[in-house]
Amino acid sequence: MQPIDQVLNRIRWDREFGDALFEIGYYDRLVAGIIRRPLVDLLFEPGNKESFLLMDKEGVYQRIPLHRVREVYRNDELIWQRPGASGTNR
């Protein structure tokens, strides 16, 4: 399995592959399930290879560790899934 950081790098640097709509499915402990969010909603800080920031409903950024990413979708097609990941919520 390709590590999530390599998948994200391919989306970022491979122009042909990256020219699509991407969603990230991450495990949310509060809902005990996977939440899908558009990649454009995520903020990746330069030099931080451990997490990303996601604004919640109150407008506060929450830090989400990359190890909680379970799925990646390209044009609504599942292209990457962490072994053992299941149960998607939107």
Protein backbone atom coordinates (compact mmCIF):
# COMPACT_ATOMS: atom_id res chain seq x y z
CA MET A 1 0.00 0.00 0.00
CA GLN A 2 1.22 3.47 -0.88
CA PRO A 3 1.56 5.77 2.17
CA ILE A 4 -0.93 8.64 2.41
CA ASP A 5 1.80 11.29 2.13
CA GLN A 6 2.83 9.86 -1.25
CA VAL A 7 -0.79 9.93 -2.45
CA LEU A 8 -1.11 13.57 -1.39
CA ASN A 9 2.19 14.44 -3.07
CA ARG A 10 1.01 12.87 -6.32
CA ILE A 11 -2.20 14.91 -6.19
CA ARG A 12 -0.15 18.05 -5.58
CA TRP A 13 2.65 17.54 -8.10
CA ASP A 14 1.23 15.37 -10.91
CA ARG A 15 -0.76 17.94 -12.89
CA GLU A 16 -2.62 15.42 -15.04
CA PHE A 17 -3.60 13.23 -12.08
CA GLY A 18 -4.28 16.20 -9.80
CA ASP A 19 -6.70 17.81 -12.28
CA ALA A 20 -9.78 16.30 -10.60
CA LEU A 21 -12.07 16.68 -7.61
CA PHE A 22 -10.61 14.97 -4.55
CA GLU A 23 -12.13 14.11 -1.20
CA ILE A 24 -10.38 12.87 1.91
CA GLY A 25 -12.14 10.46 4.28
CA TYR A 26 -10.79 10.73 7.82
CA TYR A 27 -11.83 8.96 11.01
CA ASP A 28 -13.66 11.26 13.40
CA ARG A 29 -13.64 9.96 16.95
CA LEU A 30 -16.69 12.00 18.00
CA VAL A 31 -18.98 10.43 15.39
CA ALA A 32 -17.07 7.13 15.45
CA GLY A 33 -16.99 7.03 11.67
CA ILE A 34 -15.37 8.34 8.53
CA ILE A 35 -16.12 11.88 7.40
CA ARG A 36 -15.50 12.86 3.77
CA ARG A 37 -14.37 16.42 3.05
CA PRO A 38 -13.21 18.04 -0.19
CA LEU A 39 -9.44 18.29 -0.40
CA VAL A 40 -9.74 22.03 -1.11
CA ASP A 41 -11.22 22.47 2.41
CA LEU A 42 -8.03 21.17 4.03
CA LEU A 43 -5.08 23.37 4.92
CA PHE A 44 -1.63 21.79 4.68
CA GLU A 45 1.02 23.79 6.50
CA PRO A 46 4.44 24.01 4.81
CA GLY A 47 6.89 21.58 6.40
CA ASN A 48 4.22 19.74 8.41
CA LYS A 49 4.11 16.13 7.22
CA GLU A 50 2.12 14.82 10.20
CA SER A 51 -1.27 16.57 9.97
CA PHE A 52 -3.57 19.03 8.22
CA LEU A 53 -5.97 21.70 9.45
CA LEU A 54 -9.73 21.60 8.91
CA MET A 55 -12.16 24.37 9.82
CA ASP A 56 -15.08 23.16 11.93
CA LYS A 57 -18.66 24.53 11.92
CA GLU A 58 -17.72 27.24 14.42
CA GLY A 59 -14.90 28.53 12.19
CA VAL A 60 -12.12 27.08 14.35
CA TYR A 61 -9.31 25.10 12.75
CA GLN A 62 -8.90 21.57 14.05
CA ARG A 63 -5.66 19.63 13.53
CA ILE A 64 -6.24 16.19 12.00
CA PRO A 65 -3.31 13.73 12.07
CA LEU A 66 -2.59 12.04 8.72
CA HIS A 67 -2.81 8.61 10.37
CA ARG A 68 -6.58 9.23 10.72
CA VAL A 69 -7.00 9.53 6.93
CA ARG A 70 -8.75 6.33 5.84
CA GLU A 71 -9.82 7.01 2.23
CA VAL A 72 -9.08 9.20 -0.78
CA TYR A 73 -11.58 9.74 -3.60
CA ARG A 74 -10.89 11.12 -7.07
CA ASN A 75 -14.00 12.27 -8.94
CA ASP A 76 -16.07 10.31 -6.39
CA GLU A 77 -14.15 7.07 -7.08
CA LEU A 78 -12.25 5.43 -4.22
CA ILE A 79 -8.55 5.44 -5.21
CA TRP A 80 -6.88 4.76 -1.86
CA GLN A 81 -8.00 3.10 1.34
CA ARG A 82 -6.10 2.29 4.51
CA PRO A 83 -6.38 -1.42 5.34
CA GLY A 84 -9.24 -2.06 7.77
CA ALA A 85 -11.05 1.21 6.97
CA SER A 86 -14.83 1.05 6.67
CA GLY A 87 -18.01 2.91 7.54
CA THR A 88 -18.26 6.20 5.64
CA ASN A 89 -20.39 9.11 6.83
CA ARG A 90 -20.77 12.42 5.02
